Structure formats: C-alpha cells, structure tokens
Amino acid sequence: MTDERPTEETGAEAAGAESPSQIPAPTPGSADATDPPGREKTFDRHMLEALVCPVTRAALTYDAQAQELISRAAHLAFPIRDGIPIMLVDEARKLD
C-alpha cells in the first residue's frame, strides 16, 4: 500500500513566490520598490537613537543637508551613503 497524501506547500510556494536562491541580489546603487525613482535613499532618523560615535560613544547629530552624522566629541562627520551611515573612522571627515 502506498502513501498518496498530498504534499503541503509552504506559504511562499503556494503563492507562487520564487525561492530565495532564485531571487536576484540587489545591485549596488539600485533602488528597491519602495524608493521613488530618481531619489536617493534617505536616512531613517529612528536609527539615530541607536547609533553612537564609534570613537567616543557620544551621541551623534544628523546633518540632513550634508548627509552626515556628526560627532562633536570626536570632531568627526560620518557620511551617509544610500541611506546607510558609514561608521568607519577612516571614512569620516575631520571637523575643525
């Protein structure tokens, strides 16, 4: 006697979604579906609450015009690229 029970599909398979191995990885600089076309990704200000200066552990301030996170204690400005803060001292700009 053979077992002829139907196989169960997961939610993604049942919906016809591609498996993770079939989904192409995003290319650098590409916008995802939530970004308006022709607009650079913006920094999530809620992330600022969780970030501190990697040198001094002091609070940071957000400069929206320059797209930088400023550490006044360390006199450094960390760049924000494509909405992602680059918290590397080697990438930071020294402030006067």
PDB file of N, CA and C in Angstrom:
ATOM      1  N   MET A   1       0.827  -1.166   0.000  1.00  0.00           N
ATOM      2  CA  MET A   1       0.000   0.000   0.000  1.00  0.00           C
ATOM      3  C   MET A   1       0.884   1.246   0.000  1.00  0.00           C
ATOM      4  N   THR A   2       0.613   2.167  -0.889  1.00  0.00           N
ATOM      5  CA  THR A   2       1.429   3.371  -0.995  1.00  0.00           C
ATOM      6  C   THR A   2       0.744   4.529  -0.303  1.00  0.00           C
ATOM      7  N   ASP A   3       1.540   5.427   0.185  1.00  0.00           N
ATOM      8  CA  ASP A   3       1.016   6.616   0.860  1.00  0.00           C
ATOM      9  C   ASP A   3       0.851   7.710  -0.184  1.00  0.00           C
ATOM     10  N   GLU A   4      -0.380   8.069  -0.495  1.00  0.00           N
ATOM     11  CA  GLU A   4      -0.641   9.058  -1.542  1.00  0.00           C
ATOM     12  C   GLU A   4      -1.226  10.335  -0.964  1.00  0.00           C
ATOM     13  N   ARG A   5      -0.692  10.761   0.188  1.00  0.00           N
ATOM     14  CA  ARG A   5      -1.150  12.022   0.764  1.00  0.00           C
ATOM     15  C   ARG A   5      -0.582  13.184  -0.037  1.00  0.00           C
ATOM     16  N   PRO A   6      -1.380  14.219  -0.220  1.00  0.00           N
ATOM     17  CA  PRO A   6      -0.852  15.378  -0.945  1.00  0.00           C
ATOM     18  C   PRO A   6       0.241  16.055  -0.133  1.00  0.00           C
ATOM     19  N   THR A   7       1.234  16.586  -0.833  1.00  0.00           N
ATOM     20  CA  THR A   7       2.310  17.293  -0.141  1.00  0.00           C
ATOM     21  C   THR A   7       1.838  18.688   0.207  1.00  0.00           C
ATOM     22  N   GLU A   8       2.276  19.167   1.343  1.00  0.00           N
ATOM     23  CA  GLU A   8       1.908  20.519   1.760  1.00  0.00           C
ATOM     24  C   GLU A   8       2.939  21.496   1.231  1.00  0.00           C
ATOM     25  N   GLU A   9       2.458  22.639   0.745  1.00  0.00           N
ATOM     26  CA  GLU A   9       3.356  23.680   0.278  1.00  0.00           C
ATOM     27  C   GLU A   9       3.450  24.746   1.338  1.00  0.00           C
ATOM     28  N   THR A  10       4.610  25.386   1.410  1.00  0.00           N
ATOM     29  CA  THR A  10       4.742  26.492   2.346  1.00  0.00           C
ATOM     30  C   THR A  10       3.990  27.680   1.779  1.00  0.00           C
ATOM     31  N   GLY A  11       3.779  28.693   2.590  1.00  0.00           N
ATOM     32  CA  GLY A  11       3.043  29.873   2.155  1.00  0.00           C
ATOM     33  C   GLY A  11       3.643  30.502   0.912  1.00  0.00           C
ATOM     34  N   ALA A  12       4.967  30.620   0.834  1.00  0.00           N
ATOM     35  CA  ALA A  12       5.615  31.249  -0.312  1.00  0.00           C
ATOM     36  C   ALA A  12       5.464  30.391  -1.559  1.00  0.00           C
ATOM     37  N   GLU A  13       5.613  29.076  -1.394  1.00  0.00           N
ATOM     38  CA  GLU A  13       5.485  28.193  -2.554  1.00  0.00           C
ATOM     39  C   GLU A  13       4.046  28.174  -3.059  1.00  0.00           C
ATOM     40  N   ALA A  14       3.097  28.167  -2.127  1.00  0.00           N
ATOM     41  CA  ALA A  14       1.701  28.141  -2.508  1.00  0.00           C
ATOM     42  C   ALA A  14       1.305  29.416  -3.241  1.00  0.00           C
ATOM     43  N   ALA A  15       1.926  30.519  -2.889  1.00  0.00           N
ATOM     44  CA  ALA A  15       1.617  31.796  -3.525  1.00  0.00           C
ATOM     45  C   ALA A  15       2.362  31.956  -4.843  1.00  0.00           C
ATOM     46  N   GLY A  16       3.227  31.024  -5.176  1.00  0.00           N
ATOM     47  CA  GLY A  16       3.971  31.092  -6.430  1.00  0.00           C
ATOM     48  C   GLY A  16       5.219  31.955  -6.344  1.00  0.00           C
ATOM     49  N   ALA A  17       5.692  32.249  -5.131  1.00  0.00           N
ATOM     50  CA  ALA A  17       6.884  33.074  -4.966  1.00  0.00           C
ATOM     51  C   ALA A  17       8.127  32.271  -5.323  1.00  0.00           C
ATOM     52  N   GLU A  18       9.141  33.003  -5.733  1.00  0.00           N
ATOM     53  CA  GLU A  18      10.410  32.350  -6.056  1.00  0.00           C
ATOM     54  C   GLU A  18      11.112  31.955  -4.766  1.00  0.00           C
ATOM     55  N   SER A  19      11.915  30.918  -4.824  1.00  0.00           N
ATOM     56  CA  SER A  19      12.689  30.547  -3.655  1.00  0.00           C
ATOM     57  C   SER A  19      13.806  31.570  -3.488  1.00  0.00           C
ATOM     58  N   PRO A  20      14.362  31.724  -2.264  1.00  0.00           N
ATOM     59  CA  PRO A  20      15.405  32.717  -2.049  1.00  0.00           C
ATOM     60  C   PRO A  20      16.600  32.561  -2.977  1.00  0.00           C
ATOM     61  N   SER A  21      16.923  31.338  -3.390  1.00  0.00           N
ATOM     62  CA  SER A  21      18.062  31.146  -4.275  1.00  0.00           C
ATOM     63  C   SER A  21      17.792  31.646  -5.690  1.00  0.00           C
ATOM     64  N   GLN A  22      16.514  31.868  -6.031  1.00  0.00           N
ATOM     65  CA  GLN A  22      16.177  32.334  -7.368  1.00  0.00           C
ATOM     66  C   GLN A  22      15.993  33.842  -7.443  1.00  0.00           C
ATOM     67  N   ILE A  23      15.936  34.513  -6.296  1.00  0.00           N
ATOM     68  CA  ILE A  23      15.737  35.954  -6.281  1.00  0.00           C
ATOM     69  C   ILE A  23      17.083  36.628  -6.491  1.00  0.00           C
ATOM     70  N   PRO A  24      17.204  37.492  -7.502  1.00  0.00           N
ATOM     71  CA  PRO A  24      18.493  38.127  -7.750  1.00  0.00           C
ATOM     72  C   PRO A  24      18.849  39.105  -6.632  1.00  0.00           C
ATOM     73  N   ALA A  25      20.129  39.177  -6.328  1.00  0.00           N
ATOM     74  CA  ALA A  25      20.596  40.114  -5.310  1.00  0.00           C
ATOM     75  C   ALA A  25      20.530  41.526  -5.864  1.00  0.00           C
ATOM     76  N   PRO A  26      20.229  42.515  -5.007  1.00  0.00           N
ATOM     77  CA  PRO A  26      20.190  43.893  -5.498  1.00  0.00           C
ATOM     78  C   PRO A  26      21.582  44.349  -5.905  1.00  0.00           C
ATOM     79  N   THR A  27      21.644  45.168  -6.905  1.00  0.00           N
ATOM     80  CA  THR A  27      22.925  45.690  -7.349  1.00  0.00           C
ATOM     81  C   THR A  27      23.231  46.966  -6.586  1.00  0.00           C
ATOM     82  N   PRO A  28      24.499  47.274  -6.349  1.00  0.00           N
ATOM     83  CA  PRO A  28      24.832  48.495  -5.617  1.00  0.00           C
ATOM     84  C   PRO A  28      24.245  49.717  -6.317  1.00  0.00           C
ATOM     85  N   GLY A  29      23.652  50.589  -5.522  1.00  0.00           N
ATOM     86  CA  GLY A  29      23.080  51.807  -6.073  1.00  0.00           C
ATOM     87  C   GLY A  29      21.696  51.635  -6.656  1.00  0.00           C
ATOM     88  N   SER A  30      21.170  50.408  -6.664  1.00  0.00           N
ATOM     89  CA  SER A  30      19.840  50.202  -7.219  1.00  0.00           C
ATOM     90  C   SER A  30      18.792  50.532  -6.168  1.00  0.00           C
ATOM     91  N   ALA A  31      17.706  51.109  -6.597  1.00  0.00           N
ATOM     92  CA  ALA A  31      16.614  51.444  -5.682  1.00  0.00           C
ATOM     93  C   ALA A  31      15.673  50.261  -5.581  1.00  0.00           C
ATOM     94  N   ASP A  32      15.106  50.061  -4.392  1.00  0.00           N
ATOM     95  CA  ASP A  32      14.135  48.983  -4.303  1.00  0.00           C
ATOM     96  C   ASP A  32      12.754  49.545  -4.603  1.00  0.00           C
ATOM     97  N   ALA A  33      11.744  48.706  -4.553  1.00  0.00           N
ATOM     98  CA  ALA A  33      10.404  49.086  -4.992  1.00  0.00           C
ATOM     99  C   ALA A  33       9.799  50.201  -4.144  1.00  0.00           C
ATOM    100  N   THR A  34      10.282  50.400  -2.921  1.00  0.00           N
ATOM    101  CA  THR A  34       9.711  51.424  -2.059  1.00  0.00           C
ATOM    102  C   THR A  34      10.328  52.799  -2.287  1.00  0.00           C
ATOM    103  N   ASP A  35      11.434  52.880  -2.980  1.00  0.00           N
ATOM    104  CA  ASP A  35      12.079  54.166  -3.238  1.00  0.00           C
ATOM    105  C   ASP A  35      11.490  54.816  -4.472  1.00  0.00           C
ATOM    106  N   PRO A  36      11.174  56.119  -4.375  1.00  0.00           N
ATOM    107  CA  PRO A  36      10.695  56.809  -5.568  1.00  0.00           C
ATOM    108  C   PRO A  36      11.811  56.878  -6.607  1.00  0.00           C
ATOM    109  N   PRO A  37      11.484  56.762  -7.901  1.00  0.00           N
ATOM    110  CA  PRO A  37      12.522  56.802  -8.921  1.00  0.00           C
ATOM    111  C   PRO A  37      13.240  58.146  -8.919  1.00  0.00           C
ATOM    112  N   GLY A  38      14.556  58.099  -9.142  1.00  0.00           N
ATOM    113  CA  GLY A  38      15.349  59.306  -9.242  1.00  0.00           C
ATOM    114  C   GLY A  38      15.640  59.975  -7.910  1.00  0.00           C
ATOM    115  N   ARG A  39      15.311  59.317  -6.805  1.00  0.00           N
ATOM    116  CA  ARG A  39      15.553  59.908  -5.496  1.00  0.00           C
ATOM    117  C   ARG A  39      16.495  59.031  -4.701  1.00  0.00           C
ATOM    118  N   GLU A  40      17.480  59.652  -4.078  1.00  0.00           N
ATOM    119  CA  GLU A  40      18.441  58.927  -3.267  1.00  0.00           C
ATOM    120  C   GLU A  40      17.765  58.459  -1.979  1.00  0.00           C
ATOM    121  N   LYS A  41      18.182  57.316  -1.456  1.00  0.00           N
ATOM    122  CA  LYS A  41      17.609  56.813  -0.209  1.00  0.00           C
ATOM    123  C   LYS A  41      17.900  57.803   0.906  1.00  0.00           C
ATOM    124  N   THR A  42      16.964  57.944   1.829  1.00  0.00           N
ATOM    125  CA  THR A  42      17.142  58.864   2.942  1.00  0.00           C
ATOM    126  C   THR A  42      17.464  58.093   4.207  1.00  0.00           C
ATOM    127  N   PHE A  43      18.059  58.782   5.141  1.00  0.00           N
ATOM    128  CA  PHE A  43      18.451  58.202   6.416  1.00  0.00           C
ATOM    129  C   PHE A  43      17.246  58.113   7.341  1.00  0.00           C
ATOM    130  N   ASP A  44      17.067  56.981   7.984  1.00  0.00           N
ATOM    131  CA  ASP A  44      15.986  56.773   8.942  1.00  0.00           C
ATOM    132  C   ASP A  44      16.392  57.413  10.268  1.00  0.00           C
ATOM    133  N   ARG A  45      15.722  58.486  10.628  1.00  0.00           N
ATOM    134  CA  ARG A  45      16.085  59.231  11.843  1.00  0.00           C
ATOM    135  C   ARG A  45      15.925  58.390  13.111  1.00  0.00           C
ATOM    136  N   HIS A  46      15.084  57.372  13.082  1.00  0.00           N
ATOM    137  CA  HIS A  46      14.929  56.497  14.254  1.00  0.00           C
ATOM    138  C   HIS A  46      16.216  55.711  14.510  1.00  0.00           C
ATOM    139  N   MET A  47      16.999  55.500  13.461  1.00  0.00           N
ATOM    140  CA  MET A  47      18.270  54.792  13.612  1.00  0.00           C
ATOM    141  C   MET A  47      19.240  55.627  14.449  1.00  0.00           C
ATOM    142  N   LEU A  48      19.096  56.952  14.402  1.00  0.00           N
ATOM    143  CA  LEU A  48      19.981  57.846  15.140  1.00  0.00           C
ATOM    144  C   LEU A  48      19.945  57.556  16.644  1.00  0.00           C
ATOM    145  N   GLU A  49      18.793  57.130  17.135  1.00  0.00           N
ATOM    146  CA  GLU A  49      18.665  56.823  18.558  1.00  0.00           C
ATOM    147  C   GLU A  49      19.549  55.652  18.971  1.00  0.00           C
ATOM    148  N   ALA A  50      19.829  54.746  18.051  1.00  0.00           N
ATOM    149  CA  ALA A  50      20.606  53.553  18.367  1.00  0.00           C
ATOM    150  C   ALA A  50      22.098  53.718  18.083  1.00  0.00           C
ATOM    151  N   LEU A  51      22.467  54.718  17.287  1.00  0.00           N
ATOM    152  CA  LEU A  51      23.866  54.887  16.899  1.00  0.00           C
ATOM    153  C   LEU A  51      24.595  55.833  17.832  1.00  0.00           C
ATOM    154  N   VAL A  52      25.861  55.523  18.091  1.00  0.00           N
ATOM    155  CA  VAL A  52      26.748  56.403  18.845  1.00  0.00           C
ATOM    156  C   VAL A  52      28.068  56.507  18.096  1.00  0.00           C
ATOM    157  N   CYS A  53      28.862  57.488  18.461  1.00  0.00           N
ATOM    158  CA  CYS A  53      30.177  57.644  17.854  1.00  0.00           C
ATOM    159  C   CYS A  53      31.025  56.414  18.180  1.00  0.00           C
ATOM    160  N   PRO A  54      31.660  55.808  17.179  1.00  0.00           N
ATOM    161  CA  PRO A  54      32.483  54.630  17.446  1.00  0.00           C
ATOM    162  C   PRO A  54      33.776  54.963  18.207  1.00  0.00           C
ATOM    163  N   VAL A  55      34.151  56.223  18.267  1.00  0.00           N
ATOM    164  CA  VAL A  55      35.373  56.627  18.963  1.00  0.00           C
ATOM    165  C   VAL A  55      35.088  56.951  20.426  1.00  0.00           C
ATOM    166  N   THR A  56      34.085  57.810  20.650  1.00  0.00           N
ATOM    167  CA  THR A  56      33.831  58.324  21.999  1.00  0.00           C
ATOM    168  C   THR A  56      32.583  57.738  22.663  1.00  0.00           C
ATOM    169  N   ARG A  57      31.756  57.060  21.908  1.00  0.00           N
ATOM    170  CA  ARG A  57      30.461  56.531  22.365  1.00  0.00           C
ATOM    171  C   ARG A  57      29.484  57.654  22.710  1.00  0.00           C
ATOM    172  N   ALA A  58      29.756  58.859  22.228  1.00  0.00           N
ATOM    173  CA  ALA A  58      28.884  60.006  22.464  1.00  0.00           C
ATOM    174  C   ALA A  58      27.743  60.012  21.451  1.00  0.00           C
ATOM    175  N   ALA A  59      26.717  60.785  21.753  1.00  0.00           N
ATOM    176  CA  ALA A  59      25.565  60.923  20.855  1.00  0.00           C
ATOM    177  C   ALA A  59      25.996  61.622  19.562  1.00  0.00           C
ATOM    178  N   LEU A  60      25.253  61.331  18.494  1.00  0.00           N
ATOM    179  CA  LEU A  60      25.509  61.919  17.183  1.00  0.00           C
ATOM    180  C   LEU A  60      24.368  62.863  16.819  1.00  0.00           C
ATOM    181  N   THR A  61      24.657  63.822  15.962  1.00  0.00           N
ATOM    182  CA  THR A  61      23.615  64.677  15.408  1.00  0.00           C
ATOM    183  C   THR A  61      23.574  64.465  13.904  1.00  0.00           C
ATOM    184  N   TYR A  62      22.384  64.622  13.342  1.00  0.00           N
ATOM    185  CA  TYR A  62      22.158  64.369  11.912  1.00  0.00           C
ATOM    186  C   TYR A  62      22.180  65.683  11.142  1.00  0.00           C
ATOM    187  N   ASP A  63      23.047  65.767  10.140  1.00  0.00           N
ATOM    188  CA  ASP A  63      23.082  66.914   9.232  1.00  0.00           C
ATOM    189  C   ASP A  63      22.457  66.459   7.920  1.00  0.00           C
ATOM    190  N   ALA A  64      21.179  66.811   7.721  1.00  0.00           N
ATOM    191  CA  ALA A  64      20.431  66.340   6.550  1.00  0.00           C
ATOM    192  C   ALA A  64      20.984  66.914   5.257  1.00  0.00           C
ATOM    193  N   GLN A  65      21.413  68.154   5.272  1.00  0.00           N
ATOM    194  CA  GLN A  65      21.917  68.789   4.053  1.00  0.00           C
ATOM    195  C   GLN A  65      23.209  68.126   3.577  1.00  0.00           C
ATOM    196  N   ALA A  66      24.119  67.862   4.501  1.00  0.00           N
ATOM    197  CA  ALA A  66      25.398  67.242   4.140  1.00  0.00           C
ATOM    198  C   ALA A  66      25.320  65.720   4.106  1.00  0.00           C
ATOM    199  N   GLN A  67      24.198  65.144   4.587  1.00  0.00           N
ATOM    200  CA  GLN A  67      24.041  63.690   4.693  1.00  0.00           C
ATOM    201  C   GLN A  67      25.200  63.088   5.493  1.00  0.00           C
ATOM    202  N   GLU A  68      25.325  63.590   6.732  1.00  0.00           N
ATOM    203  CA  GLU A  68      26.380  63.136   7.631  1.00  0.00           C
ATOM    204  C   GLU A  68      25.834  63.013   9.047  1.00  0.00           C
ATOM    205  N   LEU A  69      26.471  62.151   9.826  1.00  0.00           N
ATOM    206  CA  LEU A  69      26.233  62.065  11.256  1.00  0.00           C
ATOM    207  C   LEU A  69      27.438  62.706  11.929  1.00  0.00           C
ATOM    208  N   ILE A  70      27.185  63.686  12.779  1.00  0.00           N
ATOM    209  CA  ILE A  70      28.244  64.485  13.374  1.00  0.00           C
ATOM    210  C   ILE A  70      28.516  64.036  14.801  1.00  0.00           C
ATOM    211  N   SER A  71      29.797  63.797  15.089  1.00  0.00           N
ATOM    212  CA  SER A  71      30.247  63.545  16.450  1.00  0.00           C
ATOM    213  C   SER A  71      31.045  64.767  16.874  1.00  0.00           C
ATOM    214  N   ARG A  72      30.408  65.608  17.685  1.00  0.00           N
ATOM    215  CA  ARG A  72      31.102  66.820  18.154  1.00  0.00           C
ATOM    216  C   ARG A  72      32.230  66.447  19.118  1.00  0.00           C
ATOM    217  N   ALA A  73      32.051  65.385  19.891  1.00  0.00           N
ATOM    218  CA  ALA A  73      33.069  64.961  20.853  1.00  0.00           C
ATOM    219  C   ALA A  73      34.353  64.515  20.156  1.00  0.00           C
ATOM    220  N   ALA A  74      34.229  63.826  19.036  1.00  0.00           N
ATOM    221  CA  ALA A  74      35.400  63.331  18.307  1.00  0.00           C
ATOM    222  C   ALA A  74      35.802  64.259  17.166  1.00  0.00           C
ATOM    223  N   HIS A  75      35.020  65.290  16.910  1.00  0.00           N
ATOM    224  CA  HIS A  75      35.260  66.220  15.799  1.00  0.00           C
ATOM    225  C   HIS A  75      35.320  65.479  14.464  1.00  0.00           C
ATOM    226  N   LEU A  76      34.324  64.577  14.264  1.00  0.00           N
ATOM    227  CA  LEU A  76      34.245  63.787  13.041  1.00  0.00           C
ATOM    228  C   LEU A  76      32.833  63.857  12.459  1.00  0.00           C
ATOM    229  N   ALA A  77      32.755  63.752  11.133  1.00  0.00           N
ATOM    230  CA  ALA A  77      31.478  63.682  10.423  1.00  0.00           C
ATOM    231  C   ALA A  77      31.465  62.392   9.619  1.00  0.00           C
ATOM    232  N   PHE A  78      30.542  61.499   9.962  1.00  0.00           N
ATOM    233  CA  PHE A  78      30.436  60.207   9.297  1.00  0.00           C
ATOM    234  C   PHE A  78      29.445  60.314   8.138  1.00  0.00           C
ATOM    235  N   PRO A  79      29.849  59.902   6.930  1.00  0.00           N
ATOM    236  CA  PRO A  79      28.962  60.043   5.765  1.00  0.00           C
ATOM    237  C   PRO A  79      27.788  59.067   5.794  1.00  0.00           C
ATOM    238  N   ILE A  80      26.713  59.462   5.138  1.00  0.00           N
ATOM    239  CA  ILE A  80      25.563  58.583   4.934  1.00  0.00           C
ATOM    240  C   ILE A  80      25.461  58.375   3.431  1.00  0.00           C
ATOM    241  N   ARG A  81      25.592  57.143   2.987  1.00  0.00           N
ATOM    242  CA  ARG A  81      25.549  56.813   1.558  1.00  0.00           C
ATOM    243  C   ARG A  81      24.386  55.873   1.290  1.00  0.00           C
ATOM    244  N   ASP A  82      23.530  56.258   0.373  1.00  0.00           N
ATOM    245  CA  ASP A  82      22.352  55.456   0.018  1.00  0.00           C
ATOM    246  C   ASP A  82      21.527  55.108   1.249  1.00  0.00           C
ATOM    247  N   GLY A  83      21.443  56.054   2.189  1.00  0.00           N
ATOM    248  CA  GLY A  83      20.646  55.849   3.388  1.00  0.00           C
ATOM    249  C   GLY A  83      21.326  55.038   4.467  1.00  0.00           C
ATOM    250  N   ILE A  84      22.592  54.666   4.259  1.00  0.00           N
ATOM    251  CA  ILE A  84      23.320  53.833   5.217  1.00  0.00           C
ATOM    252  C   ILE A  84      24.463  54.632   5.832  1.00  0.00           C
ATOM    253  N   PRO A  85      24.459  54.800   7.163  1.00  0.00           N
ATOM    254  CA  PRO A  85      25.566  55.514   7.794  1.00  0.00           C
ATOM    255  C   PRO A  85      26.842  54.676   7.756  1.00  0.00           C
ATOM    256  N   ILE A  86      27.922  55.299   7.336  1.00  0.00           N
ATOM    257  CA  ILE A  86      29.227  54.630   7.277  1.00  0.00           C
ATOM    258  C   ILE A  86      29.977  55.034   8.541  1.00  0.00           C
ATOM    259  N   MET A  87      29.998  54.143   9.510  1.00  0.00           N
ATOM    260  CA  MET A  87      30.540  54.462  10.832  1.00  0.00           C
ATOM    261  C   MET A  87      31.996  54.018  10.973  1.00  0.00           C
ATOM    262  N   LEU A  88      32.773  54.215   9.943  1.00  0.00           N
ATOM    263  CA  LEU A  88      34.195  53.870   9.949  1.00  0.00           C
ATOM    264  C   LEU A  88      35.000  55.155  10.109  1.00  0.00           C
ATOM    265  N   VAL A  89      35.934  55.161  11.052  1.00  0.00           N
ATOM    266  CA  VAL A  89      36.753  56.343  11.306  1.00  0.00           C
ATOM    267  C   VAL A  89      37.536  56.722  10.040  1.00  0.00           C
ATOM    268  N   ASP A  90      38.011  55.745   9.295  1.00  0.00           N
ATOM    269  CA  ASP A  90      38.772  56.023   8.071  1.00  0.00           C
ATOM    270  C   ASP A  90      37.933  56.728   7.014  1.00  0.00           C
ATOM    271  N   GLU A  91      36.615  56.575   7.064  1.00  0.00           N
ATOM    272  CA  GLU A  91      35.717  57.200   6.087  1.00  0.00           C
ATOM    273  C   GLU A  91      35.192  58.557   6.574  1.00  0.00           C
ATOM    274  N   ALA A  92      35.403  58.874   7.843  1.00  0.00           N
ATOM    275  CA  ALA A  92      34.869  60.098   8.432  1.00  0.00           C
ATOM    276  C   ALA A  92      35.689  61.319   8.006  1.00  0.00           C
ATOM    277  N   ARG A  93      34.975  62.439   7.953  1.00  0.00           N
ATOM    278  CA  ARG A  93      35.605  63.727   7.634  1.00  0.00           C
ATOM    279  C   ARG A  93      35.943  64.406   8.955  1.00  0.00           C
ATOM    280  N   LYS A  94      37.165  64.948   9.054  1.00  0.00           N
ATOM    281  CA  LYS A  94      37.567  65.653  10.274  1.00  0.00           C
ATOM    282  C   LYS A  94      36.970  67.045  10.278  1.00  0.00           C
ATOM    283  N   LEU A  95      36.427  67.428  11.440  1.00  0.00           N
ATOM    284  CA  LEU A  95      35.847  68.759  11.609  1.00  0.00           C
ATOM    285  C   LEU A  95      36.869  69.684  12.251  1.00  0.00           C
ATOM    286  N   ASP A  96      36.756  70.945  11.942  1.00  0.00           N
ATOM    287  CA  ASP A  96      37.670  71.952  12.521  1.00  0.00           C
ATOM    288  C   ASP A  96      37.325  72.263  13.953  1.00  0.00           C
TER     289      ASP A  96
END
